[in-house]
């Protein structure tokens, strides 16, 4: 049997796993149900499992019958703080939490990959390490690295992928060089001088200063950074003020 045909045999299970993860999303470092399902699934395949890596992460190691290098296959686990409005029959049961970035699909795919590879254990040279990373949306990978996920056995290469809607189903896209960057989160506090909205000349509005800062930083990215160096700065949240007629302090 060729590999594509064997993968196709698991299509229904793949869909079932993905929809279950989608229906029961969990935020970063809160993937308790998710990690339990993953760990139990891997153990049932005869794969050595380490739980609670970087709090809620799971690592499985499949040792081949022959010596060789170690390849790691990686998936993320966490969902986003979003209210789902898709009206799908398997929509999120956890209000305010949704798998909106494809991690439900990533986990399902990696579990099926583990199942197929485990069935080929006697043919494998080296090891396969299955890494299920928590809190990807807040750059949780470094914690797994700090806790030794790339050691024992030492990983020679890591392979990961991401669902990409523009690509047709069944196709895989490859590029040379970097494709996706890690994220760094920051917060800025702008301090002004509060006052009455009817007398703005007696105050210093931190709202206006904040708007100018956001626009200035966007212009900086466009005009002061080499266009050949991929750079993105995104502002996703702006908190200011408490009442329409009051200029806030910050």
C-alpha atoms as a PDB file:
ATOM      1  CA  UNK A   1       0.000   0.000   0.000  1.00  0.00           C
ATOM      2  CA  UNK A   2       1.347   3.453  -0.883  1.00  0.00           C
ATOM      3  CA  UNK A   3       1.498   6.157   1.778  1.00  0.00           C
ATOM      4  CA  UNK A   4      -1.147   8.422   0.241  1.00  0.00           C
ATOM      5  CA  UNK A   5      -3.680   5.601   0.204  1.00  0.00           C
ATOM      6  CA  UNK A   6      -2.866   4.744   3.813  1.00  0.00           C
ATOM      7  CA  UNK A   7      -3.336   8.361   4.888  1.00  0.00           C
ATOM      8  CA  UNK A   8      -6.684   8.482   3.087  1.00  0.00           C
ATOM      9  CA  UNK A   9      -7.907   5.558   5.195  1.00  0.00           C
ATOM     10  CA  UNK A  10      -7.653   7.796   8.278  1.00  0.00           C
ATOM     11  CA  UNK A  11      -9.558  10.718   6.771  1.00  0.00           C
ATOM     12  CA  UNK A  12     -12.701  10.282   8.863  1.00  0.00           C
ATOM     13  CA  UNK A  13     -10.706   9.999  12.090  1.00  0.00           C
ATOM     14  CA  UNK A  14      -8.705  13.081  11.111  1.00  0.00           C
ATOM     15  CA  UNK A  15     -11.905  15.098  10.653  1.00  0.00           C
ATOM     16  CA  UNK A  16     -13.374  13.765  13.900  1.00  0.00           C
ATOM     17  CA  UNK A  17     -10.264  14.717  15.886  1.00  0.00           C
ATOM     18  CA  UNK A  18     -10.105  18.174  14.361  1.00  0.00           C
ATOM     19  CA  UNK A  19     -13.767  18.891  15.033  1.00  0.00           C
ATOM     20  CA  UNK A  20     -13.492  17.697  18.626  1.00  0.00           C
ATOM     21  CA  UNK A  21     -10.536  20.023  19.227  1.00  0.00           C
ATOM     22  CA  UNK A  22     -12.419  22.843  17.519  1.00  0.00           C
ATOM     23  CA  UNK A  23     -15.491  22.291  19.662  1.00  0.00           C
ATOM     24  CA  UNK A  24     -13.457  22.302  22.874  1.00  0.00           C
ATOM     25  CA  UNK A  25     -10.831  25.050  22.494  1.00  0.00           C
ATOM     26  CA  UNK A  26      -8.558  26.106  25.344  1.00  0.00           C
ATOM     27  CA  UNK A  27      -6.356  29.161  25.773  1.00  0.00           C
ATOM     28  CA  UNK A  28      -2.577  29.089  26.144  1.00  0.00           C
ATOM     29  CA  UNK A  29      -1.278  27.183  29.187  1.00  0.00           C
ATOM     30  CA  UNK A  30      -4.881  26.093  29.848  1.00  0.00           C
ATOM     31  CA  UNK A  31      -4.903  23.213  27.334  1.00  0.00           C
ATOM     32  CA  UNK A  32      -5.678  20.626  30.013  1.00  0.00           C
ATOM     33  CA  UNK A  33      -8.341  18.627  28.178  1.00  0.00           C
ATOM     34  CA  UNK A  34      -6.449  18.952  24.915  1.00  0.00           C
ATOM     35  CA  UNK A  35      -3.138  17.705  26.297  1.00  0.00           C
ATOM     36  CA  UNK A  36      -4.842  14.797  28.063  1.00  0.00           C
ATOM     37  CA  UNK A  37      -6.412  13.620  24.809  1.00  0.00           C
ATOM     38  CA  UNK A  38      -3.117  13.957  22.948  1.00  0.00           C
ATOM     39  CA  UNK A  39      -1.045  12.172  25.596  1.00  0.00           C
ATOM     40  CA  UNK A  40      -3.507   9.287  25.876  1.00  0.00           C
ATOM     41  CA  UNK A  41      -3.674   8.935  22.092  1.00  0.00           C
ATOM     42  CA  UNK A  42       0.115   8.741  21.773  1.00  0.00           C
ATOM     43  CA  UNK A  43       0.413   6.255  24.637  1.00  0.00           C
ATOM     44  CA  UNK A  44      -2.158   3.984  23.007  1.00  0.00           C
ATOM     45  CA  UNK A  45       0.112   3.925  19.952  1.00  0.00           C
ATOM     46  CA  UNK A  46       2.984   2.660  22.090  1.00  0.00           C
ATOM     47  CA  UNK A  47       4.831   5.978  21.956  1.00  0.00           C
ATOM     48  CA  UNK A  48       6.801   7.157  24.997  1.00  0.00           C
ATOM     49  CA  UNK A  49       5.058  10.240  26.364  1.00  0.00           C
ATOM     50  CA  UNK A  50       6.167  13.107  28.556  1.00  0.00           C
ATOM     51  CA  UNK A  51       3.350  15.233  29.946  1.00  0.00           C
ATOM     52  CA  UNK A  52       3.288  18.739  31.441  1.00  0.00           C
ATOM     53  CA  UNK A  53       6.213  20.032  29.413  1.00  0.00           C
ATOM     54  CA  UNK A  54       6.180  23.827  29.663  1.00  0.00           C
ATOM     55  CA  UNK A  55       3.071  23.487  31.835  1.00  0.00           C
ATOM     56  CA  UNK A  56       0.614  21.853  29.421  1.00  0.00           C
ATOM     57  CA  UNK A  57       2.779  20.673  26.529  1.00  0.00           C
ATOM     58  CA  UNK A  58       3.116  17.049  25.430  1.00  0.00           C
ATOM     59  CA  UNK A  59       6.135  15.319  23.900  1.00  0.00           C
ATOM     60  CA  UNK A  60       6.112  11.837  22.418  1.00  0.00           C
ATOM     61  CA  UNK A  61       9.148   9.846  21.254  1.00  0.00           C
ATOM     62  CA  UNK A  62       8.896   7.032  18.742  1.00  0.00           C
ATOM     63  CA  UNK A  63      12.087   4.984  18.616  1.00  0.00           C
ATOM     64  CA  UNK A  64      12.738   3.219  15.344  1.00  0.00           C
ATOM     65  CA  UNK A  65      14.081  -0.308  15.016  1.00  0.00           C
ATOM     66  CA  UNK A  66      17.371   0.962  13.586  1.00  0.00           C
ATOM     67  CA  UNK A  67      19.813   3.633  14.784  1.00  0.00           C
ATOM     68  CA  UNK A  68      19.708   7.028  13.129  1.00  0.00           C
ATOM     69  CA  UNK A  69      18.965  10.691  13.569  1.00  0.00           C
ATOM     70  CA  UNK A  70      16.022  12.266  15.382  1.00  0.00           C
ATOM     71  CA  UNK A  71      13.391  14.266  13.531  1.00  0.00           C
ATOM     72  CA  UNK A  72      10.884  16.366  15.470  1.00  0.00           C
ATOM     73  CA  UNK A  73       7.384  17.059  14.160  1.00  0.00           C
ATOM     74  CA  UNK A  74       5.690  19.994  15.847  1.00  0.00           C
ATOM     75  CA  UNK A  75       2.121  21.231  16.352  1.00  0.00           C
ATOM     76  CA  UNK A  76       0.638  24.042  18.413  1.00  0.00           C
ATOM     77  CA  UNK A  77      -2.325  23.516  20.759  1.00  0.00           C
ATOM     78  CA  UNK A  78      -3.828  26.777  22.003  1.00  0.00           C
ATOM     79  CA  UNK A  79      -6.882  28.688  20.818  1.00  0.00           C
ATOM     80  CA  UNK A  80      -7.654  32.404  20.683  1.00  0.00           C
ATOM     81  CA  UNK A  81      -9.837  34.629  22.918  1.00  0.00           C
ATOM     82  CA  UNK A  82     -12.467  35.086  20.193  1.00  0.00           C
ATOM     83  CA  UNK A  83     -16.246  34.618  20.188  1.00  0.00           C
ATOM     84  CA  UNK A  84     -17.022  32.144  17.406  1.00  0.00           C
ATOM     85  CA  UNK A  85     -19.758  33.211  14.990  1.00  0.00           C
ATOM     86  CA  UNK A  86     -19.413  30.508  12.322  1.00  0.00           C
ATOM     87  CA  UNK A  87     -22.619  28.659  13.328  1.00  0.00           C
ATOM     88  CA  UNK A  88     -20.934  25.368  12.469  1.00  0.00           C
ATOM     89  CA  UNK A  89     -22.391  22.249  14.052  1.00  0.00           C
ATOM     90  CA  UNK A  90     -19.071  21.801  15.848  1.00  0.00           C
ATOM     91  CA  UNK A  91     -18.705  25.434  16.943  1.00  0.00           C
ATOM     92  CA  UNK A  92     -16.879  26.231  20.150  1.00  0.00           C
ATOM     93  CA  UNK A  93     -18.617  25.232  23.374  1.00  0.00           C
ATOM     94  CA  UNK A  94     -16.317  27.540  25.350  1.00  0.00           C
ATOM     95  CA  UNK A  95     -17.766  31.029  25.045  1.00  0.00           C
ATOM     96  CA  UNK A  96     -15.116  33.576  24.140  1.00  0.00           C
ATOM     97  CA  UNK A  97     -12.577  30.961  23.031  1.00  0.00           C
ATOM     98  CA  UNK A  98     -12.116  29.711  19.464  1.00  0.00           C
ATOM     99  CA  UNK A  99      -9.668  27.822  17.296  1.00  0.00           C
ATOM    100  CA  UNK A 100      -9.380  30.579  14.718  1.00  0.00           C
ATOM    101  CA  UNK A 101      -5.772  29.960  13.664  1.00  0.00           C
ATOM    102  CA  UNK A 102      -5.814  26.331  12.571  1.00  0.00           C
ATOM    103  CA  UNK A 103      -4.236  24.705  15.611  1.00  0.00           C
ATOM    104  CA  UNK A 104      -7.141  22.249  15.814  1.00  0.00           C
ATOM    105  CA  UNK A 105      -6.178  21.006  12.360  1.00  0.00           C
ATOM    106  CA  UNK A 106      -2.474  20.922  13.196  1.00  0.00           C
ATOM    107  CA  UNK A 107      -3.063  18.672  16.213  1.00  0.00           C
ATOM    108  CA  UNK A 108      -5.308  16.302  14.281  1.00  0.00           C
ATOM    109  CA  UNK A 109      -2.794  16.005  11.451  1.00  0.00           C
ATOM    110  CA  UNK A 110       0.113  15.320  13.776  1.00  0.00           C
ATOM    111  CA  UNK A 111      -1.799  12.645  15.689  1.00  0.00           C
ATOM    112  CA  UNK A 112      -2.623  10.832  12.455  1.00  0.00           C
ATOM    113  CA  UNK A 113       1.010  11.186  11.357  1.00  0.00           C
ATOM    114  CA  UNK A 114       2.043   9.638  14.689  1.00  0.00           C
ATOM    115  CA  UNK A 115      -0.394   6.775  14.153  1.00  0.00           C
ATOM    116  CA  UNK A 116       0.956   5.961  10.699  1.00  0.00           C
ATOM    117  CA  UNK A 117       4.597   6.315  11.706  1.00  0.00           C
ATOM    118  CA  UNK A 118       4.043   4.137  14.787  1.00  0.00           C
ATOM    119  CA  UNK A 119       2.707   1.404  12.499  1.00  0.00           C
ATOM    120  CA  UNK A 120       5.998   1.646  10.543  1.00  0.00           C
ATOM    121  CA  UNK A 121       8.194   1.463  13.641  1.00  0.00           C
ATOM    122  CA  UNK A 122      10.027  -1.648  12.502  1.00  0.00           C
ATOM    123  CA  UNK A 123      11.066   0.138   9.306  1.00  0.00           C
ATOM    124  CA  UNK A 124      12.262   3.375  10.916  1.00  0.00           C
ATOM    125  CA  UNK A 125      15.901   4.415  11.163  1.00  0.00           C
ATOM    126  CA  UNK A 126      16.311   6.781  14.100  1.00  0.00           C
ATOM    127  CA  UNK A 127      13.624   8.498  16.153  1.00  0.00           C
ATOM    128  CA  UNK A 128      10.617  10.717  15.647  1.00  0.00           C
ATOM    129  CA  UNK A 129       9.770  13.228  18.365  1.00  0.00           C
ATOM    130  CA  UNK A 130       6.226  14.582  18.394  1.00  0.00           C
ATOM    131  CA  UNK A 131       6.055  18.039  19.980  1.00  0.00           C
ATOM    132  CA  UNK A 132       2.701  19.528  20.955  1.00  0.00           C
ATOM    133  CA  UNK A 133       3.460  23.087  22.001  1.00  0.00           C
ATOM    134  CA  UNK A 134       1.222  25.122  24.323  1.00  0.00           C
ATOM    135  CA  UNK A 135       0.625  28.854  24.169  1.00  0.00           C
ATOM    136  CA  UNK A 136       1.916  29.423  20.653  1.00  0.00           C
ATOM    137  CA  UNK A 137      -0.054  32.657  20.354  1.00  0.00           C
ATOM    138  CA  UNK A 138       2.120  34.148  23.099  1.00  0.00           C
ATOM    139  CA  UNK A 139       5.434  32.632  21.958  1.00  0.00           C
ATOM    140  CA  UNK A 140       5.426  29.669  24.345  1.00  0.00           C
ATOM    141  CA  UNK A 141       8.019  27.659  22.394  1.00  0.00           C
ATOM    142  CA  UNK A 142      10.986  29.064  24.304  1.00  0.00           C
ATOM    143  CA  UNK A 143       9.759  27.417  27.516  1.00  0.00           C
ATOM    144  CA  UNK A 144       9.776  24.008  25.859  1.00  0.00           C
ATOM    145  CA  UNK A 145      13.307  24.623  24.598  1.00  0.00           C
ATOM    146  CA  UNK A 146      14.410  25.730  28.071  1.00  0.00           C
ATOM    147  CA  UNK A 147      12.978  22.526  29.517  1.00  0.00           C
ATOM    148  CA  UNK A 148      15.018  20.420  27.086  1.00  0.00           C
ATOM    149  CA  UNK A 149      12.509  19.461  24.389  1.00  0.00           C
ATOM    150  CA  UNK A 150      15.325  19.360  21.819  1.00  0.00           C
ATOM    151  CA  UNK A 151      17.417  16.955  23.922  1.00  0.00           C
ATOM    152  CA  UNK A 152      17.180  13.310  25.039  1.00  0.00           C
ATOM    153  CA  UNK A 153      17.313  12.331  22.258  1.00  0.00           C
ATOM    154  CA  UNK A 154      18.956  15.332  20.645  1.00  0.00           C
ATOM    155  CA  UNK A 155      16.881  16.633  17.757  1.00  0.00           C
ATOM    156  CA  UNK A 156      18.665  16.949  14.418  1.00  0.00           C
ATOM    157  CA  UNK A 157      15.871  18.780  12.597  1.00  0.00           C
ATOM    158  CA  UNK A 158      12.392  20.109  13.336  1.00  0.00           C
ATOM    159  CA  UNK A 159       9.562  20.090  10.812  1.00  0.00           C
ATOM    160  CA  UNK A 160       6.405  22.101  11.246  1.00  0.00           C
ATOM    161  CA  UNK A 161       3.703  23.461   8.992  1.00  0.00           C
ATOM    162  CA  UNK A 162       0.669  25.717   9.111  1.00  0.00           C
ATOM    163  CA  UNK A 163      -2.726  25.471   7.493  1.00  0.00           C
ATOM    164  CA  UNK A 164      -2.936  28.042   4.709  1.00  0.00           C
ATOM    165  CA  UNK A 165      -6.372  28.767   3.255  1.00  0.00           C
ATOM    166  CA  UNK A 166      -5.176  30.174  -0.110  1.00  0.00           C
ATOM    167  CA  UNK A 167      -3.638  26.778  -0.948  1.00  0.00           C
ATOM    168  CA  UNK A 168      -5.875  24.118  -2.427  1.00  0.00           C
ATOM    169  CA  UNK A 169      -6.563  21.140  -0.176  1.00  0.00           C
ATOM    170  CA  UNK A 170      -4.029  18.403  -0.801  1.00  0.00           C
ATOM    171  CA  UNK A 171      -1.204  20.757  -1.746  1.00  0.00           C
ATOM    172  CA  UNK A 172       1.824  21.779   0.309  1.00  0.00           C
ATOM    173  CA  UNK A 173       3.590  25.095  -0.178  1.00  0.00           C
ATOM    174  CA  UNK A 174       7.337  25.548   0.315  1.00  0.00           C
ATOM    175  CA  UNK A 175       9.518  28.645   0.268  1.00  0.00           C
ATOM    176  CA  UNK A 176      13.229  29.355   0.657  1.00  0.00           C
ATOM    177  CA  UNK A 177      14.148  31.234   3.804  1.00  0.00           C
ATOM    178  CA  UNK A 178      11.921  32.593   6.546  1.00  0.00           C
ATOM    179  CA  UNK A 179       8.153  32.461   6.122  1.00  0.00           C
ATOM    180  CA  UNK A 180       6.652  33.230   9.526  1.00  0.00           C
ATOM    181  CA  UNK A 181       8.204  35.240  12.343  1.00  0.00           C
ATOM    182  CA  UNK A 182       7.908  34.746  16.069  1.00  0.00           C
ATOM    183  CA  UNK A 183       5.910  37.410  17.848  1.00  0.00           C
ATOM    184  CA  UNK A 184       6.961  39.828  20.568  1.00  0.00           C
ATOM    185  CA  UNK A 185       4.246  41.550  22.588  1.00  0.00           C
ATOM    186  CA  UNK A 186       4.602  45.016  24.031  1.00  0.00           C
ATOM    187  CA  UNK A 187       2.499  47.564  25.937  1.00  0.00           C
ATOM    188  CA  UNK A 188       2.905  51.322  25.923  1.00  0.00           C
ATOM    189  CA  UNK A 189       1.550  53.716  28.546  1.00  0.00           C
ATOM    190  CA  UNK A 190       1.172  57.344  27.503  1.00  0.00           C
ATOM    191  CA  UNK A 191       0.952  59.810  30.398  1.00  0.00           C
ATOM    192  CA  UNK A 192      -0.726  63.139  29.769  1.00  0.00           C
ATOM    193  CA  UNK A 193      -2.470  65.848  31.771  1.00  0.00           C
ATOM    194  CA  UNK A 194      -6.162  65.290  32.381  1.00  0.00           C
ATOM    195  CA  UNK A 195      -8.812  67.921  32.041  1.00  0.00           C
ATOM    196  CA  UNK A 196     -12.243  68.913  30.793  1.00  0.00           C
ATOM    197  CA  UNK A 197     -13.191  68.139  27.214  1.00  0.00           C
ATOM    198  CA  UNK A 198     -14.486  71.702  26.854  1.00  0.00           C
ATOM    199  CA  UNK A 199     -11.058  73.120  27.719  1.00  0.00           C
ATOM    200  CA  UNK A 200      -8.574  70.892  25.868  1.00  0.00           C
ATOM    201  CA  UNK A 201      -5.989  73.721  25.817  1.00  0.00           C
ATOM    202  CA  UNK A 202      -5.571  73.277  29.571  1.00  0.00           C
ATOM    203  CA  UNK A 203      -4.816  69.566  29.231  1.00  0.00           C
ATOM    204  CA  UNK A 204      -2.436  67.296  27.331  1.00  0.00           C
ATOM    205  CA  UNK A 205      -4.483  64.522  25.783  1.00  0.00           C
ATOM    206  CA  UNK A 206      -2.706  61.129  25.906  1.00  0.00           C
ATOM    207  CA  UNK A 207      -5.250  59.921  23.324  1.00  0.00           C
ATOM    208  CA  UNK A 208      -3.983  62.340  20.678  1.00  0.00           C
ATOM    209  CA  UNK A 209      -0.383  61.538  21.593  1.00  0.00           C
ATOM    210  CA  UNK A 210      -1.155  57.813  21.345  1.00  0.00           C
ATOM    211  CA  UNK A 211      -2.719  58.242  17.900  1.00  0.00           C
ATOM    212  CA  UNK A 212       0.342  60.155  16.700  1.00  0.00           C
ATOM    213  CA  UNK A 213       2.624  57.436  18.089  1.00  0.00           C
ATOM    214  CA  UNK A 214       0.757  54.668  16.277  1.00  0.00           C
ATOM    215  CA  UNK A 215       0.825  56.561  12.995  1.00  0.00           C
ATOM    216  CA  UNK A 216       4.473  57.471  13.480  1.00  0.00           C
ATOM    217  CA  UNK A 217       5.521  53.888  14.139  1.00  0.00           C
ATOM    218  CA  UNK A 218       3.667  52.681  11.032  1.00  0.00           C
ATOM    219  CA  UNK A 219       5.477  55.329   8.986  1.00  0.00           C
ATOM    220  CA  UNK A 220       8.778  54.275  10.573  1.00  0.00           C
ATOM    221  CA  UNK A 221       8.271  50.669   9.496  1.00  0.00           C
ATOM    222  CA  UNK A 222       7.487  51.765   5.941  1.00  0.00           C
ATOM    223  CA  UNK A 223      10.146  54.437   5.507  1.00  0.00           C
ATOM    224  CA  UNK A 224      13.042  53.665   7.850  1.00  0.00           C
ATOM    225  CA  UNK A 225      13.389  49.870   7.668  1.00  0.00           C
ATOM    226  CA  UNK A 226      14.809  48.103   4.627  1.00  0.00           C
ATOM    227  CA  UNK A 227      11.900  46.744   2.576  1.00  0.00           C
ATOM    228  CA  UNK A 228      13.887  43.524   2.082  1.00  0.00           C
ATOM    229  CA  UNK A 229      13.764  42.909   5.832  1.00  0.00           C
ATOM    230  CA  UNK A 230      10.271  41.621   6.723  1.00  0.00           C
ATOM    231  CA  UNK A 231       8.960  43.702   9.624  1.00  0.00           C
ATOM    232  CA  UNK A 232       5.457  44.044  11.004  1.00  0.00           C
ATOM    233  CA  UNK A 233       4.301  46.165  13.935  1.00  0.00           C
ATOM    234  CA  UNK A 234       0.625  45.770  14.790  1.00  0.00           C
ATOM    235  CA  UNK A 235      -1.466  47.591  17.380  1.00  0.00           C
ATOM    236  CA  UNK A 236      -4.435  45.464  18.356  1.00  0.00           C
ATOM    237  CA  UNK A 237      -5.777  47.186  21.447  1.00  0.00           C
ATOM    238  CA  UNK A 238      -6.143  50.816  22.563  1.00  0.00           C
ATOM    239  CA  UNK A 239      -7.503  51.666  26.020  1.00  0.00           C
ATOM    240  CA  UNK A 240      -8.229  55.272  26.947  1.00  0.00           C
ATOM    241  CA  UNK A 241     -10.683  57.377  28.864  1.00  0.00           C
ATOM    242  CA  UNK A 242     -13.650  56.779  31.138  1.00  0.00           C
ATOM    243  CA  UNK A 243     -16.229  59.415  30.116  1.00  0.00           C
ATOM    244  CA  UNK A 244     -16.889  61.356  26.864  1.00  0.00           C
ATOM    245  CA  UNK A 245     -16.283  64.818  28.328  1.00  0.00           C
ATOM    246  CA  UNK A 246     -13.174  63.978  30.372  1.00  0.00           C
ATOM    247  CA  UNK A 247      -9.634  64.087  28.953  1.00  0.00           C
ATOM    248  CA  UNK A 248      -7.890  61.200  30.778  1.00  0.00           C
ATOM    249  CA  UNK A 249      -4.582  61.258  32.601  1.00  0.00           C
ATOM    250  CA  UNK A 250      -3.244  58.273  30.635  1.00  0.00           C
END
